[in-house]
Amino acid sequence: MSEFDLIRRYFADLGPARPDVVLGVGDDCALLDVPAGQSLAVSIDTLASGIHFFPDCAPEHIGHKSLAVGLSDLAAMGAEPAWATLALTLPAADEDWVRGFAVGFARLANQHGIRLVGGDTTRGPLSVTVQVQGFVPSGAAVRRDGARPGDAILVSGTLGDAGLALRRMLAGEAVDPESRRRLECPEPRVALGRRLRGIASAMIDLSDGLAGDLGHILAASGVGAELELEQFTLTPWVAEAVAAARDWSLPLSSGDDYELCFCVPQERLVEVGRLAVDPSCALTRIGTIRVGTGLILRLPDGEILTTNGAGYDHFAARP
């Protein structure tokens, strides 16, 4: 199939119809209406084969994840998803692969009401770039720079599952299906992000590891933090891996969790409790913002764990 055949067949009508899309896929530019009183939240991510997904990953899962990572960014700002653009680089015009990719992308797009409005298709090493746009009431976005001493630090869901799956897959070991699903098909916490508008003082999504991502909040807010590791909500298989090696790097430093880490003033914690209605997405207090700088990690036995606080870095030196 030609480039334009692929676009017409699989991408020209992807995602639910929206009244704010004046003109979508098929022209030189999309024409879009931003509602009055709303700010436009924009984020872009690239997923490359061999870096963000294994070469044999199902195309349906790649389609899902390529959109999910952007939706997670919108969630972290408390934004409502609206539009997406897609730049897809393919080694060849493999219609079966494109069909599977489009199915995974469309399923998540329909779930969150986001419409594909444009993009580009080209030939080369497999990579996927998705830009997402969403709306947030003017002045209501939850940023990274609002944390204050005394604020509680909370996370959604569980930590380290995707990292455990990656570790075991790289070692050629068996991987439990739930951990693999967390790695290949993360669920962005979009509804939670919207509900935290006006409650959370700062928020970030966990794409590069809790310690590193929380570090961005601390730097932007000019504060420090202390975490109680015994408070972390871990799945049994992650808890077993942590206990076996006495190594907390999975929940602290492994990426691809795509949960939300957020700070809440003490007087608003009751409101957060009312949001914890989804049993599959626990909201757990794991620490407190403090005066100063840096991150203190307190082990269950009371000892302090040292860490460089760095998250995943594409250009960091590798062993």
C-alpha atoms as a PDB file:
ATOM      1  CA  MET A   1       0.000   0.000   0.000  1.00  0.00           C
ATOM      2  CA  SER A   2       1.064   3.597  -0.571  1.00  0.00           C
ATOM      3  CA  GLU A   3       1.570   6.102   2.241  1.00  0.00           C
ATOM      4  CA  PHE A   4      -1.707   7.798   1.363  1.00  0.00           C
ATOM      5  CA  ASP A   5      -3.619   4.508   1.182  1.00  0.00           C
ATOM      6  CA  LEU A   6      -2.473   3.722   4.729  1.00  0.00           C
ATOM      7  CA  ILE A   7      -3.548   7.148   5.976  1.00  0.00           C
ATOM      8  CA  ARG A   8      -6.974   6.977   4.330  1.00  0.00           C
ATOM      9  CA  ARG A   9      -7.677   3.436   5.468  1.00  0.00           C
ATOM     10  CA  TYR A  10      -6.422   3.515   9.048  1.00  0.00           C
ATOM     11  CA  PHE A  11      -6.000   7.089  10.269  1.00  0.00           C
ATOM     12  CA  ALA A  12      -8.412   9.423   8.470  1.00  0.00           C
ATOM     13  CA  ASP A  13     -11.281   8.728  10.879  1.00  0.00           C
ATOM     14  CA  LEU A  14      -9.532   7.672  14.075  1.00  0.00           C
ATOM     15  CA  GLY A  15     -11.084   8.670  17.387  1.00  0.00           C
ATOM     16  CA  PRO A  16     -14.542  10.035  18.175  1.00  0.00           C
ATOM     17  CA  ALA A  17     -15.992  12.982  16.279  1.00  0.00           C
ATOM     18  CA  ARG A  18     -15.589  16.306  18.090  1.00  0.00           C
ATOM     19  CA  PRO A  19     -17.370  19.616  17.397  1.00  0.00           C
ATOM     20  CA  ASP A  20     -14.126  21.538  18.028  1.00  0.00           C
ATOM     21  CA  VAL A  21     -12.431  19.830  15.036  1.00  0.00           C
ATOM     22  CA  VAL A  22     -13.261  22.079  12.068  1.00  0.00           C
ATOM     23  CA  LEU A  23     -10.936  20.164   9.741  1.00  0.00           C
ATOM     24  CA  GLY A  24      -8.956  17.061  10.614  1.00  0.00           C
ATOM     25  CA  VAL A  25      -6.838  14.547   8.694  1.00  0.00           C
ATOM     26  CA  GLY A  26      -6.535  15.159   4.960  1.00  0.00           C
ATOM     27  CA  ASP A  27      -5.383  18.756   4.438  1.00  0.00           C
ATOM     28  CA  ASP A  28      -2.141  20.674   4.957  1.00  0.00           C
ATOM     29  CA  CYS A  29      -3.200  21.690   8.462  1.00  0.00           C
ATOM     30  CA  ALA A  30      -5.897  20.772  10.934  1.00  0.00           C
ATOM     31  CA  LEU A  31      -8.309  23.539  11.928  1.00  0.00           C
ATOM     32  CA  LEU A  32      -9.264  23.406  15.599  1.00  0.00           C
ATOM     33  CA  ASP A  33     -11.339  25.567  17.943  1.00  0.00           C
ATOM     34  CA  VAL A  34     -10.117  26.165  21.509  1.00  0.00           C
ATOM     35  CA  PRO A  35     -13.114  26.838  23.800  1.00  0.00           C
ATOM     36  CA  ALA A  36     -13.306  30.203  25.543  1.00  0.00           C
ATOM     37  CA  GLY A  37     -11.838  30.229  29.046  1.00  0.00           C
ATOM     38  CA  GLN A  38      -9.632  27.199  28.391  1.00  0.00           C
ATOM     39  CA  SER A  39      -5.856  26.916  28.135  1.00  0.00           C
ATOM     40  CA  LEU A  40      -4.370  24.511  25.610  1.00  0.00           C
ATOM     41  CA  ALA A  41      -2.115  21.850  27.169  1.00  0.00           C
ATOM     42  CA  VAL A  42       0.332  20.320  24.680  1.00  0.00           C
ATOM     43  CA  SER A  43       2.799  17.438  25.027  1.00  0.00           C
ATOM     44  CA  ILE A  44       4.826  15.330  22.587  1.00  0.00           C
ATOM     45  CA  ASP A  45       6.630  11.987  22.987  1.00  0.00           C
ATOM     46  CA  THR A  46       8.603   9.698  20.690  1.00  0.00           C
ATOM     47  CA  LEU A  47       8.769   5.922  21.090  1.00  0.00           C
ATOM     48  CA  ALA A  48      11.637   4.172  19.294  1.00  0.00           C
ATOM     49  CA  SER A  49      11.953   0.453  18.620  1.00  0.00           C
ATOM     50  CA  GLY A  50      14.500  -1.193  20.909  1.00  0.00           C
ATOM     51  CA  ILE A  51      14.354   1.708  23.382  1.00  0.00           C
ATOM     52  CA  HIS A  52      10.704   2.106  24.379  1.00  0.00           C
ATOM     53  CA  PHE A  53       9.402  -1.254  23.181  1.00  0.00           C
ATOM     54  CA  PHE A  54      10.848  -4.576  22.121  1.00  0.00           C
ATOM     55  CA  PRO A  55      11.016  -5.148  18.348  1.00  0.00           C
ATOM     56  CA  ASP A  56       8.601  -8.088  18.693  1.00  0.00           C
ATOM     57  CA  CYS A  57       6.047  -6.109  20.741  1.00  0.00           C
ATOM     58  CA  ALA A  58       2.513  -6.483  19.378  1.00  0.00           C
ATOM     59  CA  PRO A  59       1.628  -3.502  17.153  1.00  0.00           C
ATOM     60  CA  GLU A  60      -1.677  -3.131  19.026  1.00  0.00           C
ATOM     61  CA  HIS A  61       0.286  -2.563  22.232  1.00  0.00           C
ATOM     62  CA  ILE A  62       2.605  -0.047  20.547  1.00  0.00           C
ATOM     63  CA  GLY A  63      -0.434   1.868  19.303  1.00  0.00           C
ATOM     64  CA  HIS A  64      -1.862   1.915  22.819  1.00  0.00           C
ATOM     65  CA  LYS A  65       1.365   2.972  24.529  1.00  0.00           C
ATOM     66  CA  SER A  66       2.220   5.670  21.979  1.00  0.00           C
ATOM     67  CA  LEU A  67      -0.974   7.496  22.930  1.00  0.00           C
ATOM     68  CA  ALA A  68      -0.980   6.521  26.616  1.00  0.00           C
ATOM     69  CA  VAL A  69       2.295   8.290  27.418  1.00  0.00           C
ATOM     70  CA  GLY A  70       0.918  11.599  26.132  1.00  0.00           C
ATOM     71  CA  LEU A  71      -2.387  11.135  27.886  1.00  0.00           C
ATOM     72  CA  SER A  72      -0.434  10.600  31.100  1.00  0.00           C
ATOM     73  CA  ASP A  73       1.205  14.020  30.605  1.00  0.00           C
ATOM     74  CA  LEU A  74      -2.227  15.615  30.170  1.00  0.00           C
ATOM     75  CA  ALA A  75      -3.389  13.825  33.322  1.00  0.00           C
ATOM     76  CA  ALA A  76      -0.482  15.301  35.265  1.00  0.00           C
ATOM     77  CA  MET A  77      -1.679  18.820  34.381  1.00  0.00           C
ATOM     78  CA  GLY A  78      -5.335  18.039  35.132  1.00  0.00           C
ATOM     79  CA  ALA A  79      -6.203  18.487  31.441  1.00  0.00           C
ATOM     80  CA  GLU A  80      -9.055  17.020  29.388  1.00  0.00           C
ATOM     81  CA  PRO A  81      -7.789  15.233  26.229  1.00  0.00           C
ATOM     82  CA  ALA A  82      -8.987  16.678  22.924  1.00  0.00           C
ATOM     83  CA  TRP A  83      -6.727  16.117  19.892  1.00  0.00           C
ATOM     84  CA  ALA A  84      -3.671  14.154  18.788  1.00  0.00           C
ATOM     85  CA  THR A  85      -1.263  14.195  15.855  1.00  0.00           C
ATOM     86  CA  LEU A  86       0.831  11.203  14.814  1.00  0.00           C
ATOM     87  CA  ALA A  87       4.181  10.937  13.015  1.00  0.00           C
ATOM     88  CA  LEU A  88       4.792   7.289  12.124  1.00  0.00           C
ATOM     89  CA  THR A  89       8.080   6.040  10.660  1.00  0.00           C
ATOM     90  CA  LEU A  90       7.876   2.513   9.240  1.00  0.00           C
ATOM     91  CA  PRO A  91      10.533   0.241   7.716  1.00  0.00           C
ATOM     92  CA  ALA A  92       7.920  -0.913   5.180  1.00  0.00           C
ATOM     93  CA  ALA A  93       4.227  -0.477   4.379  1.00  0.00           C
ATOM     94  CA  ASP A  94       3.154  -3.537   6.386  1.00  0.00           C
ATOM     95  CA  GLU A  95      -0.635  -3.345   6.349  1.00  0.00           C
ATOM     96  CA  ASP A  96      -1.122  -5.994   9.044  1.00  0.00           C
ATOM     97  CA  TRP A  97       1.202  -4.093  11.393  1.00  0.00           C
ATOM     98  CA  VAL A  98      -0.490  -0.752  10.701  1.00  0.00           C
ATOM     99  CA  ARG A  99      -3.919  -2.300  11.217  1.00  0.00           C
ATOM    100  CA  GLY A 100      -2.928  -3.648  14.634  1.00  0.00           C
ATOM    101  CA  PHE A 101      -1.304  -0.341  15.606  1.00  0.00           C
ATOM    102  CA  ALA A 102      -4.425   1.592  14.611  1.00  0.00           C
ATOM    103  CA  VAL A 103      -6.660  -0.763  16.619  1.00  0.00           C
ATOM    104  CA  GLY A 104      -4.648  -0.183  19.812  1.00  0.00           C
ATOM    105  CA  PHE A 105      -4.431   3.574  19.253  1.00  0.00           C
ATOM    106  CA  ALA A 106      -8.136   3.894  18.427  1.00  0.00           C
ATOM    107  CA  ARG A 107      -9.322   1.869  21.410  1.00  0.00           C
ATOM    108  CA  LEU A 108      -7.561   4.206  23.847  1.00  0.00           C
ATOM    109  CA  ALA A 109      -8.512   7.305  21.839  1.00  0.00           C
ATOM    110  CA  ASN A 110     -12.183   6.377  21.995  1.00  0.00           C
ATOM    111  CA  GLN A 111     -11.918   5.657  25.714  1.00  0.00           C
ATOM    112  CA  HIS A 112     -10.643   9.182  26.391  1.00  0.00           C
ATOM    113  CA  GLY A 113     -12.499  11.134  23.707  1.00  0.00           C
ATOM    114  CA  ILE A 114      -9.393  12.202  21.790  1.00  0.00           C
ATOM    115  CA  ARG A 115      -9.450  12.702  18.016  1.00  0.00           C
ATOM    116  CA  LEU A 116      -6.537  12.165  15.631  1.00  0.00           C
ATOM    117  CA  VAL A 117      -6.402  15.362  13.554  1.00  0.00           C
ATOM    118  CA  GLY A 118      -3.208  15.030  11.493  1.00  0.00           C
ATOM    119  CA  GLY A 119       0.325  13.769  11.219  1.00  0.00           C
ATOM    120  CA  ASP A 120       2.873  12.288   8.868  1.00  0.00           C
ATOM    121  CA  THR A 121       3.931   8.860   7.610  1.00  0.00           C
ATOM    122  CA  THR A 122       7.439   8.159   6.344  1.00  0.00           C
ATOM    123  CA  ARG A 123       9.879   5.315   5.728  1.00  0.00           C
ATOM    124  CA  GLY A 124      12.784   4.521   8.058  1.00  0.00           C
ATOM    125  CA  PRO A 125      13.634   2.760  11.352  1.00  0.00           C
ATOM    126  CA  LEU A 126      10.462   2.111  13.353  1.00  0.00           C
ATOM    127  CA  SER A 127       9.497   5.020  15.594  1.00  0.00           C
ATOM    128  CA  VAL A 128       6.273   6.680  16.679  1.00  0.00           C
ATOM    129  CA  THR A 129       5.828  10.321  17.678  1.00  0.00           C
ATOM    130  CA  VAL A 130       2.502  11.454  19.122  1.00  0.00           C
ATOM    131  CA  GLN A 131       1.585  14.981  20.121  1.00  0.00           C
ATOM    132  CA  VAL A 132      -1.474  15.400  22.336  1.00  0.00           C
ATOM    133  CA  GLN A 133      -3.483  18.531  23.046  1.00  0.00           C
ATOM    134  CA  GLY A 134      -6.022  19.003  25.784  1.00  0.00           C
ATOM    135  CA  PHE A 135      -8.005  21.668  27.603  1.00  0.00           C
ATOM    136  CA  VAL A 136      -7.728  22.906  31.161  1.00  0.00           C
ATOM    137  CA  PRO A 137      -9.641  25.886  32.594  1.00  0.00           C
ATOM    138  CA  SER A 138      -7.454  28.974  32.481  1.00  0.00           C
ATOM    139  CA  GLY A 139      -5.353  29.183  35.636  1.00  0.00           C
ATOM    140  CA  ALA A 140      -6.398  25.729  36.872  1.00  0.00           C
ATOM    141  CA  ALA A 141      -3.555  23.549  35.522  1.00  0.00           C
ATOM    142  CA  VAL A 142      -1.675  21.586  38.199  1.00  0.00           C
ATOM    143  CA  ARG A 143       1.996  22.452  37.776  1.00  0.00           C
ATOM    144  CA  ARG A 144       5.237  21.151  39.294  1.00  0.00           C
ATOM    145  CA  ASP A 145       6.116  24.314  41.181  1.00  0.00           C
ATOM    146  CA  GLY A 146       3.358  24.489  43.796  1.00  0.00           C
ATOM    147  CA  ALA A 147       4.573  22.071  46.499  1.00  0.00           C
ATOM    148  CA  ARG A 148       5.035  23.611  49.960  1.00  0.00           C
ATOM    149  CA  PRO A 149       6.589  22.315  53.224  1.00  0.00           C
ATOM    150  CA  GLY A 150       4.082  20.162  55.093  1.00  0.00           C
ATOM    151  CA  ASP A 151       2.275  18.961  51.968  1.00  0.00           C
ATOM    152  CA  ALA A 152       1.621  15.231  51.817  1.00  0.00           C
ATOM    153  CA  ILE A 153       3.125  13.292  48.905  1.00  0.00           C
ATOM    154  CA  LEU A 154       0.896  10.643  47.327  1.00  0.00           C
ATOM    155  CA  VAL A 155       1.046   8.259  44.395  1.00  0.00           C
ATOM    156  CA  SER A 156      -1.621   6.413  42.472  1.00  0.00           C
ATOM    157  CA  GLY A 157      -1.555   2.683  41.832  1.00  0.00           C
ATOM    158  CA  THR A 158       1.523   0.528  42.356  1.00  0.00           C
ATOM    159  CA  LEU A 159       5.173   1.152  41.515  1.00  0.00           C
ATOM    160  CA  GLY A 160       7.840  -0.960  39.846  1.00  0.00           C
ATOM    161  CA  ASP A 161       5.698  -3.423  37.882  1.00  0.00           C
ATOM    162  CA  ALA A 162       6.810  -2.256  34.442  1.00  0.00           C
ATOM    163  CA  GLY A 163      10.419  -2.129  35.593  1.00  0.00           C
ATOM    164  CA  LEU A 164      10.212  -5.700  36.855  1.00  0.00           C
ATOM    165  CA  ALA A 165       8.774  -6.868  33.540  1.00  0.00           C
ATOM    166  CA  LEU A 166      11.561  -5.128  31.624  1.00  0.00           C
ATOM    167  CA  ARG A 167      14.238  -6.565  33.907  1.00  0.00           C
ATOM    168  CA  ARG A 168      12.949 -10.123  33.490  1.00  0.00           C
ATOM    169  CA  MET A 169      12.392  -9.840  29.738  1.00  0.00           C
ATOM    170  CA  LEU A 170      15.945  -8.583  29.227  1.00  0.00           C
ATOM    171  CA  ALA A 171      17.177 -11.562  31.286  1.00  0.00           C
ATOM    172  CA  GLY A 172      15.069 -14.016  29.272  1.00  0.00           C
ATOM    173  CA  GLU A 173      13.009 -14.922  32.337  1.00  0.00           C
ATOM    174  CA  ALA A 174       9.277 -15.579  32.641  1.00  0.00           C
ATOM    175  CA  VAL A 175       7.154 -12.479  33.210  1.00  0.00           C
ATOM    176  CA  ASP A 176       3.776 -12.430  34.923  1.00  0.00           C
ATOM    177  CA  PRO A 177       1.065 -11.121  32.555  1.00  0.00           C
ATOM    178  CA  GLU A 178       0.080  -8.176  34.755  1.00  0.00           C
ATOM    179  CA  SER A 179       3.632  -6.794  34.893  1.00  0.00           C
ATOM    180  CA  ARG A 180       3.986  -7.142  31.128  1.00  0.00           C
ATOM    181  CA  ARG A 181       0.671  -5.382  30.620  1.00  0.00           C
ATOM    182  CA  ARG A 182       1.888  -2.520  32.809  1.00  0.00           C
ATOM    183  CA  LEU A 183       5.001  -2.218  30.619  1.00  0.00           C
ATOM    184  CA  GLU A 184       3.357  -2.479  27.211  1.00  0.00           C
ATOM    185  CA  CYS A 185      -0.141  -1.102  27.855  1.00  0.00           C
ATOM    186  CA  PRO A 186      -0.028   1.455  30.694  1.00  0.00           C
ATOM    187  CA  GLU A 187      -3.301   3.049  31.762  1.00  0.00           C
ATOM    188  CA  PRO A 188      -3.040   6.853  31.992  1.00  0.00           C
ATOM    189  CA  ARG A 189      -4.797   8.292  35.065  1.00  0.00           C
ATOM    190  CA  VAL A 190      -6.711  10.958  33.129  1.00  0.00           C
ATOM    191  CA  ALA A 191      -9.876  11.028  35.255  1.00  0.00           C
ATOM    192  CA  LEU A 192      -7.855  11.182  38.473  1.00  0.00           C
ATOM    193  CA  GLY A 193      -5.799  14.073  37.139  1.00  0.00           C
ATOM    194  CA  ARG A 194      -8.932  16.081  36.399  1.00  0.00           C
ATOM    195  CA  ARG A 195     -10.379  15.380  39.839  1.00  0.00           C
ATOM    196  CA  LEU A 196      -7.175  16.604  41.490  1.00  0.00           C
ATOM    197  CA  ARG A 197      -7.485  20.071  39.973  1.00  0.00           C
ATOM    198  CA  GLY A 198      -7.919  22.526  42.823  1.00  0.00           C
ATOM    199  CA  ILE A 199      -6.761  19.931  45.383  1.00  0.00           C
ATOM    200  CA  ALA A 200      -3.198  19.006  44.424  1.00  0.00           C
ATOM    201  CA  SER A 201      -0.541  21.681  44.877  1.00  0.00           C
ATOM    202  CA  ALA A 202       1.866  19.994  42.436  1.00  0.00           C
ATOM    203  CA  MET A 203       1.762  16.895  40.233  1.00  0.00           C
ATOM    204  CA  ILE A 204       3.841  14.887  37.772  1.00  0.00           C
ATOM    205  CA  ASP A 205       3.414  11.600  35.938  1.00  0.00           C
ATOM    206  CA  LEU A 206       5.911   8.838  36.671  1.00  0.00           C
ATOM    207  CA  SER A 207       7.585   7.987  33.381  1.00  0.00           C
ATOM    208  CA  ASP A 208      11.266   7.929  34.410  1.00  0.00           C
ATOM    209  CA  GLY A 209      11.084   6.650  37.991  1.00  0.00           C
ATOM    210  CA  LEU A 210       9.622   8.028  41.220  1.00  0.00           C
ATOM    211  CA  ALA A 211      12.862   9.430  42.689  1.00  0.00           C
ATOM    212  CA  GLY A 212      13.802  11.295  39.523  1.00  0.00           C
ATOM    213  CA  ASP A 213      10.325  12.534  38.667  1.00  0.00           C
ATOM    214  CA  LEU A 214       9.563  13.664  42.215  1.00  0.00           C
ATOM    215  CA  GLY A 215      12.932  15.405  42.043  1.00  0.00           C
ATOM    216  CA  HIS A 216      11.521  17.619  39.270  1.00  0.00           C
ATOM    217  CA  ILE A 217       8.740  18.761  41.620  1.00  0.00           C
ATOM    218  CA  LEU A 218      11.259  19.451  44.386  1.00  0.00           C
ATOM    219  CA  ALA A 219      13.505  21.470  42.087  1.00  0.00           C
ATOM    220  CA  ALA A 220      10.639  23.474  40.598  1.00  0.00           C
ATOM    221  CA  SER A 221       9.121  24.170  44.025  1.00  0.00           C
ATOM    222  CA  GLY A 222      12.391  24.846  45.865  1.00  0.00           C
ATOM    223  CA  VAL A 223      11.716  22.265  48.575  1.00  0.00           C
ATOM    224  CA  GLY A 224      12.910  18.892  49.857  1.00  0.00           C
ATOM    225  CA  ALA A 225      11.016  15.707  50.731  1.00  0.00           C
ATOM    226  CA  GLU A 226      11.089  12.639  52.930  1.00  0.00           C
ATOM    227  CA  LEU A 227       9.603   9.330  51.784  1.00  0.00           C
ATOM    228  CA  GLU A 228       8.605   6.374  53.976  1.00  0.00           C
ATOM    229  CA  LEU A 229       9.346   3.317  51.827  1.00  0.00           C
ATOM    230  CA  GLU A 230       7.250   1.011  54.019  1.00  0.00           C
ATOM    231  CA  GLN A 231       4.185   2.989  52.899  1.00  0.00           C
ATOM    232  CA  PHE A 232       4.669   2.109  49.209  1.00  0.00           C
ATOM    233  CA  THR A 233       1.897   0.039  47.645  1.00  0.00           C
ATOM    234  CA  LEU A 234       3.627  -2.809  45.798  1.00  0.00           C
ATOM    235  CA  THR A 235       2.264  -5.839  44.003  1.00  0.00           C
ATOM    236  CA  PRO A 236       3.335  -9.157  45.575  1.00  0.00           C
ATOM    237  CA  TRP A 237       5.841  -9.879  42.802  1.00  0.00           C
ATOM    238  CA  VAL A 238       7.537  -6.476  43.113  1.00  0.00           C
ATOM    239  CA  ALA A 239       7.571  -6.736  46.920  1.00  0.00           C
ATOM    240  CA  GLU A 240       9.176 -10.188  46.596  1.00  0.00           C
ATOM    241  CA  ALA A 241      11.863  -8.851  44.251  1.00  0.00           C
ATOM    242  CA  VAL A 242      12.602  -5.936  46.596  1.00  0.00           C
ATOM    243  CA  ALA A 243      12.848  -8.225  49.641  1.00  0.00           C
ATOM    244  CA  ALA A 244      14.964 -10.853  47.871  1.00  0.00           C
ATOM    245  CA  ALA A 245      17.716  -8.420  46.893  1.00  0.00           C
ATOM    246  CA  ARG A 246      17.100  -5.693  49.509  1.00  0.00           C
ATOM    247  CA  ASP A 247      16.997  -3.426  46.486  1.00  0.00           C
ATOM    248  CA  TRP A 248      14.437  -0.617  46.217  1.00  0.00           C
ATOM    249  CA  SER A 249      15.437   0.460  42.716  1.00  0.00           C
ATOM    250  CA  LEU A 250      12.331  -1.059  41.126  1.00  0.00           C
ATOM    251  CA  PRO A 251       9.765   1.197  42.849  1.00  0.00           C
ATOM    252  CA  LEU A 252      12.167   4.147  43.108  1.00  0.00           C
ATOM    253  CA  SER A 253      14.008   4.308  39.809  1.00  0.00           C
ATOM    254  CA  SER A 254      12.467   2.101  37.125  1.00  0.00           C
ATOM    255  CA  GLY A 255      10.410   3.910  34.527  1.00  0.00           C
ATOM    256  CA  ASP A 256       7.167   3.315  32.651  1.00  0.00           C
ATOM    257  CA  ASP A 257       4.868   3.299  35.702  1.00  0.00           C
ATOM    258  CA  TYR A 258       2.747   6.175  34.293  1.00  0.00           C
ATOM    259  CA  GLU A 259       1.138   6.690  37.675  1.00  0.00           C
ATOM    260  CA  LEU A 260       0.583  10.148  39.157  1.00  0.00           C
ATOM    261  CA  CYS A 261       2.716  11.545  41.973  1.00  0.00           C
ATOM    262  CA  PHE A 262       1.096  14.561  43.591  1.00  0.00           C
ATOM    263  CA  CYS A 263       1.350  16.825  46.620  1.00  0.00           C
ATOM    264  CA  VAL A 264      -1.620  17.866  48.746  1.00  0.00           C
ATOM    265  CA  PRO A 265      -1.885  20.353  51.628  1.00  0.00           C
ATOM    266  CA  GLN A 266      -2.732  18.589  54.884  1.00  0.00           C
ATOM    267  CA  GLU A 267      -6.140  20.266  55.100  1.00  0.00           C
ATOM    268  CA  ARG A 268      -7.142  18.810  51.703  1.00  0.00           C
ATOM    269  CA  LEU A 269      -6.318  15.170  52.469  1.00  0.00           C
ATOM    270  CA  VAL A 270      -9.927  14.366  53.371  1.00  0.00           C
ATOM    271  CA  GLU A 271     -10.920  15.343  49.841  1.00  0.00           C
ATOM    272  CA  VAL A 272      -8.300  13.013  48.401  1.00  0.00           C
ATOM    273  CA  GLY A 273      -9.754  10.180  50.452  1.00  0.00           C
ATOM    274  CA  ARG A 274     -13.068  10.682  48.677  1.00  0.00           C
ATOM    275  CA  LEU A 275     -11.344  10.228  45.310  1.00  0.00           C
ATOM    276  CA  ALA A 276      -9.983   6.778  46.194  1.00  0.00           C
ATOM    277  CA  VAL A 277     -12.995   4.896  44.875  1.00  0.00           C
ATOM    278  CA  ASP A 278     -11.273   2.741  42.236  1.00  0.00           C
ATOM    279  CA  PRO A 279      -9.888  -0.450  43.866  1.00  0.00           C
ATOM    280  CA  SER A 280      -7.473  -0.879  40.926  1.00  0.00           C
ATOM    281  CA  CYS A 281      -5.943   2.553  41.568  1.00  0.00           C
ATOM    282  CA  ALA A 282      -5.089   3.019  45.230  1.00  0.00           C
ATOM    283  CA  LEU A 283      -4.042   6.491  46.382  1.00  0.00           C
ATOM    284  CA  THR A 284      -1.232   6.094  48.891  1.00  0.00           C
ATOM    285  CA  ARG A 285       0.515   8.670  51.032  1.00  0.00           C
ATOM    286  CA  ILE A 286       4.238   7.952  50.842  1.00  0.00           C
ATOM    287  CA  GLY A 287       5.885  11.011  52.353  1.00  0.00           C
ATOM    288  CA  THR A 288       5.973  14.695  53.177  1.00  0.00           C
ATOM    289  CA  ILE A 289       7.393  17.845  51.602  1.00  0.00           C
ATOM    290  CA  ARG A 290       9.946  19.514  53.895  1.00  0.00           C
ATOM    291  CA  VAL A 291      11.986  22.682  54.114  1.00  0.00           C
ATOM    292  CA  GLY A 292      15.354  22.455  52.375  1.00  0.00           C
ATOM    293  CA  THR A 293      16.476  20.486  49.368  1.00  0.00           C
ATOM    294  CA  GLY A 294      17.007  16.879  48.381  1.00  0.00           C
ATOM    295  CA  LEU A 295      15.181  13.620  48.969  1.00  0.00           C
ATOM    296  CA  ILE A 296      15.378  11.558  52.180  1.00  0.00           C
ATOM    297  CA  LEU A 297      14.373   7.907  51.786  1.00  0.00           C
ATOM    298  CA  ARG A 298      13.559   6.127  55.038  1.00  0.00           C
ATOM    299  CA  LEU A 299      13.671   2.317  54.983  1.00  0.00           C
ATOM    300  CA  PRO A 300      11.149   0.222  56.950  1.00  0.00           C
ATOM    301  CA  ASP A 301      13.774  -0.324  59.682  1.00  0.00           C
ATOM    302  CA  GLY A 302      14.275   3.433  60.031  1.00  0.00           C
ATOM    303  CA  GLU A 303      17.627   3.591  58.241  1.00  0.00           C
ATOM    304  CA  ILE A 304      18.183   6.185  55.527  1.00  0.00           C
ATOM    305  CA  LEU A 305      18.666   4.955  51.966  1.00  0.00           C
ATOM    306  CA  THR A 306      20.950   7.013  49.767  1.00  0.00           C
ATOM    307  CA  THR A 307      20.199   7.600  46.095  1.00  0.00           C
ATOM    308  CA  ASN A 308      21.368  10.017  43.436  1.00  0.00           C
ATOM    309  CA  GLY A 309      17.698  10.749  42.720  1.00  0.00           C
ATOM    310  CA  ALA A 310      18.219  10.524  38.979  1.00  0.00           C
ATOM    311  CA  GLY A 311      15.562   9.123  36.716  1.00  0.00           C
ATOM    312  CA  TYR A 312      16.030   7.544  33.299  1.00  0.00           C
ATOM    313  CA  ASP A 313      18.175   9.663  30.967  1.00  0.00           C
ATOM    314  CA  HIS A 314      18.509   8.748  27.280  1.00  0.00           C
ATOM    315  CA  PHE A 315      21.969  10.336  27.091  1.00  0.00           C
ATOM    316  CA  ALA A 316      23.429   9.212  30.422  1.00  0.00           C
ATOM    317  CA  ALA A 317      26.516   7.011  30.316  1.00  0.00           C
ATOM    318  CA  ARG A 318      25.669   3.308  30.356  1.00  0.00           C
ATOM    319  CA  PRO A 319      27.780   0.609  32.022  1.00  0.00           C
END
